[in-house]
Amino acid sequence: MKFFLHPLGVQNPLCLKKLCLIMKLAIMLILVCNFQLLANHVYSQNKVTLNLRSANFKQVVSEIEKKTSYRFIFSERKYPTGKYSDLNVVDKDVPSLINQLLAGTPFTYQLLPNNLIAIVSKETTEKNSPDIADIVISGVVTSETGEPLQGVSVGIVGTTNGTQTGPDGSFQLSVPANSTLRFSFIG
């Protein structure tokens, strides 16, 4: 273990000061690098600058994904097909930029958790609007004598949605407003 010893000895105060200074600088450099890496992953850039000529929707979305933490999801068969001849945007919010891109098209967007943006048709969002919310219906199916019936199929007329009653004859089903239920039992 002789090769670990300093030729002047560890007792030299100048050597200890240099060693402490080097260790302090190394620790500071490591901390600064770690904080910089942390800042890159935590900070979400919400503004984007674009300068594109004759780009289609996919190219614009790709550039936004490269420059921000937003990700897009849309159908390969249904998406805006228009060309954007000159798209010059400076420090613009991504949601307002998407509004600008989708203006005059039959599409809109929905902002989902984790900076995910779904591009959907306006027809789809109108069909799933909150004013036509599902109603949860629950009940108990009994026989003429009042005994609970197990295994009765409860379904929504015109759809394949449905459920079966449990051992105590109870069921619970989420149905759209103004639906008609169908009960069927074999046995």
Protein backbone atom coordinates (compact mmCIF):
# COMPACT_ATOMS: atom_id res chain seq x y z
CA MET A 1 0.00 0.00 0.00
CA LYS A 2 3.02 2.22 -0.32
CA PHE A 3 1.97 3.43 -3.76
CA PHE A 4 -1.03 5.34 -2.26
CA LEU A 5 1.16 7.62 -0.17
CA HIS A 6 2.01 11.11 -1.38
CA PRO A 7 5.74 11.69 -1.83
CA LEU A 8 5.64 14.76 0.45
CA GLY A 9 3.38 13.06 2.95
CA VAL A 10 -0.23 13.75 3.89
CA GLN A 11 0.77 16.18 6.61
CA ASN A 12 1.70 18.83 4.06
CA PRO A 13 -0.98 21.59 4.48
CA LEU A 14 -0.62 22.77 0.87
CA CYS A 15 -1.38 19.27 -0.42
CA LEU A 16 -4.48 19.00 1.79
CA LYS A 17 -5.77 22.39 0.62
CA LYS A 18 -5.37 21.42 -3.03
CA LEU A 19 -7.04 18.08 -2.41
CA CYS A 20 -9.97 19.73 -0.62
CA LEU A 21 -10.32 22.32 -3.38
CA ILE A 22 -10.34 19.64 -6.08
CA MET A 23 -12.97 17.62 -4.16
CA LYS A 24 -15.16 20.72 -3.68
CA LEU A 25 -14.96 21.62 -7.36
CA ALA A 26 -15.72 18.03 -8.39
CA ILE A 27 -18.79 17.91 -6.12
CA MET A 28 -20.01 21.28 -7.40
CA LEU A 29 -19.57 20.13 -11.01
CA ILE A 30 -21.49 16.91 -10.33
CA LEU A 31 -24.32 18.83 -8.63
CA VAL A 32 -24.60 21.37 -11.44
CA CYS A 33 -24.72 18.61 -14.07
CA ASN A 34 -27.38 16.69 -12.11
CA PHE A 35 -29.56 19.77 -11.67
CA GLN A 36 -29.25 20.56 -15.37
CA LEU A 37 -30.34 17.03 -16.30
CA LEU A 38 -33.21 17.21 -13.83
CA ALA A 39 -34.34 20.55 -15.22
CA ASN A 40 -34.44 19.17 -18.78
CA HIS A 41 -36.77 16.32 -17.81
CA VAL A 42 -39.03 18.14 -15.33
CA TYR A 43 -39.55 21.40 -17.18
CA SER A 44 -42.18 21.00 -19.83
CA GLN A 45 -41.91 23.48 -22.66
CA ASN A 46 -45.39 24.65 -23.53
CA LYS A 47 -44.46 27.20 -26.19
CA VAL A 48 -43.15 26.36 -29.61
CA THR A 49 -41.49 28.21 -32.47
CA LEU A 50 -42.02 26.84 -35.98
CA ASN A 51 -40.99 27.98 -39.44
CA LEU A 52 -42.31 25.50 -42.00
CA ARG A 53 -43.06 25.84 -45.71
CA SER A 54 -45.62 23.62 -47.48
CA ALA A 55 -45.91 21.14 -44.60
CA ASN A 56 -48.73 18.71 -44.03
CA PHE A 57 -50.37 17.96 -40.69
CA LYS A 58 -48.11 15.00 -39.88
CA GLN A 59 -44.96 17.07 -40.43
CA VAL A 60 -46.24 19.89 -38.22
CA VAL A 61 -47.17 17.44 -35.45
CA SER A 62 -43.76 15.77 -35.74
CA GLU A 63 -42.00 19.13 -35.29
CA ILE A 64 -44.15 19.98 -32.26
CA GLU A 65 -43.32 16.59 -30.71
CA LYS A 66 -39.59 17.20 -31.27
CA LYS A 67 -39.64 20.63 -29.65
CA THR A 68 -42.03 20.05 -26.75
CA SER A 69 -43.11 17.35 -24.33
CA TYR A 70 -46.50 16.97 -26.06
CA ARG A 71 -47.35 13.74 -27.90
CA PHE A 72 -50.13 13.27 -30.44
CA ILE A 73 -52.46 10.42 -31.20
CA PHE A 74 -54.73 10.29 -34.26
CA SER A 75 -56.08 7.79 -36.74
CA GLU A 76 -53.94 7.19 -39.82
CA ARG A 77 -57.17 7.07 -41.85
CA LYS A 78 -58.77 10.21 -40.38
CA TYR A 79 -56.65 13.29 -39.89
CA PRO A 80 -56.49 16.77 -41.42
CA THR A 81 -55.09 16.43 -44.93
CA GLY A 82 -54.60 20.10 -45.76
CA LYS A 83 -51.23 21.69 -46.51
CA TYR A 84 -49.92 24.64 -44.56
CA SER A 85 -48.07 26.80 -47.09
CA ASP A 86 -46.22 29.10 -44.69
CA LEU A 87 -46.42 28.31 -41.01
CA ASN A 88 -44.49 30.90 -39.02
CA VAL A 89 -45.11 30.69 -35.28
CA VAL A 90 -43.03 32.32 -32.56
CA ASP A 91 -43.44 31.31 -28.88
CA LYS A 92 -47.03 30.15 -29.26
CA ASP A 93 -48.89 27.90 -26.83
CA VAL A 94 -49.30 24.38 -28.21
CA PRO A 95 -53.08 24.18 -27.55
CA SER A 96 -53.69 27.51 -29.33
CA LEU A 97 -51.47 26.37 -32.22
CA ILE A 98 -53.52 23.16 -32.53
CA ASN A 99 -56.70 25.28 -32.53
CA GLN A 100 -55.21 27.31 -35.38
CA LEU A 101 -54.23 24.18 -37.33
CA LEU A 102 -57.64 22.53 -36.91
CA ALA A 103 -59.70 25.67 -37.69
CA GLY A 104 -61.99 25.06 -40.64
CA THR A 105 -61.58 21.27 -40.49
CA PRO A 106 -64.00 18.65 -39.19
CA PHE A 107 -61.54 17.85 -36.40
CA THR A 108 -60.92 18.98 -32.85
CA TYR A 109 -58.56 17.88 -30.10
CA GLN A 110 -58.78 16.58 -26.57
CA LEU A 111 -56.01 17.23 -24.06
CA LEU A 112 -55.34 14.02 -22.12
CA PRO A 113 -53.09 13.39 -19.10
CA ASN A 114 -49.29 13.30 -19.53
CA ASN A 115 -49.31 15.92 -22.32
CA LEU A 116 -51.07 13.63 -24.76
CA ILE A 117 -53.24 15.30 -27.41
CA ALA A 118 -55.86 13.22 -29.23
CA ILE A 119 -57.05 14.49 -32.61
CA VAL A 120 -60.67 13.39 -33.12
CA SER A 121 -63.51 14.28 -35.45
CA LYS A 122 -66.09 16.75 -34.20
CA GLU A 123 -68.82 14.16 -34.84
CA THR A 124 -67.21 11.79 -32.33
CA THR A 125 -67.05 14.42 -29.62
CA GLU A 126 -70.67 15.45 -30.23
CA LYS A 127 -71.83 11.84 -29.83
CA ASN A 128 -69.91 11.50 -26.57
CA SER A 129 -70.89 14.88 -25.19
CA PRO A 130 -71.49 15.12 -21.44
CA ASP A 131 -75.14 16.21 -21.83
CA ILE A 132 -75.98 12.69 -22.97
CA ALA A 133 -74.37 10.99 -20.00
CA ASP A 134 -74.84 7.33 -19.14
CA ILE A 135 -77.22 6.43 -16.33
CA VAL A 136 -76.38 3.63 -13.91
CA ILE A 137 -79.38 1.35 -13.41
CA SER A 138 -79.42 -1.25 -10.67
CA GLY A 139 -82.14 -3.58 -9.48
CA VAL A 140 -83.17 -7.05 -8.42
CA VAL A 141 -84.91 -9.56 -10.70
CA THR A 142 -87.37 -11.83 -8.88
CA SER A 143 -89.78 -14.57 -9.86
CA GLU A 144 -93.56 -14.39 -9.52
CA THR A 145 -93.21 -15.80 -6.01
CA GLY A 146 -90.62 -13.17 -4.99
CA GLU A 147 -87.53 -15.41 -5.14
CA PRO A 148 -84.39 -13.79 -6.65
CA LEU A 149 -83.42 -15.18 -10.06
CA GLN A 150 -79.77 -15.86 -10.80
CA GLY A 151 -78.39 -15.77 -14.38
CA VAL A 152 -81.00 -13.51 -15.97
CA SER A 153 -79.52 -11.64 -18.95
CA VAL A 154 -80.13 -7.90 -18.81
CA GLY A 155 -79.25 -6.08 -22.04
CA ILE A 156 -79.77 -2.83 -23.87
CA VAL A 157 -82.03 -3.19 -26.90
CA GLY A 158 -80.15 -2.54 -30.14
CA THR A 159 -76.66 -3.08 -28.66
CA THR A 160 -74.54 -5.95 -27.42
CA ASN A 161 -74.04 -4.32 -24.01
CA GLY A 162 -75.46 -6.18 -21.08
CA THR A 163 -74.90 -8.08 -17.85
CA GLN A 164 -76.25 -10.99 -15.83
CA THR A 165 -77.87 -11.05 -12.43
CA GLY A 166 -75.88 -12.35 -9.50
CA PRO A 167 -76.84 -15.07 -6.98
CA ASP A 168 -79.14 -12.64 -5.16
CA GLY A 169 -80.83 -11.55 -8.42
CA SER A 170 -79.16 -8.11 -8.42
CA PHE A 171 -77.70 -6.35 -11.45
CA GLN A 172 -76.07 -3.04 -12.27
CA LEU A 173 -75.73 -1.63 -15.79
CA SER A 174 -74.61 1.69 -17.25
CA VAL A 175 -76.97 2.72 -20.07
CA PRO A 176 -77.42 5.80 -22.27
CA ALA A 177 -80.42 8.00 -21.58
CA ASN A 178 -83.74 6.90 -23.15
CA SER A 179 -82.61 3.27 -23.58
CA THR A 180 -84.80 0.21 -23.36
CA LEU A 181 -83.73 -2.83 -21.35
CA ARG A 182 -84.31 -6.45 -22.37
CA PHE A 183 -84.57 -9.24 -19.75
CA SER A 184 -84.20 -12.85 -20.81
CA PHE A 185 -84.01 -16.07 -18.79
CA ILE A 186 -83.76 -19.67 -19.89
CA GLY A 187 -84.88 -22.21 -17.35
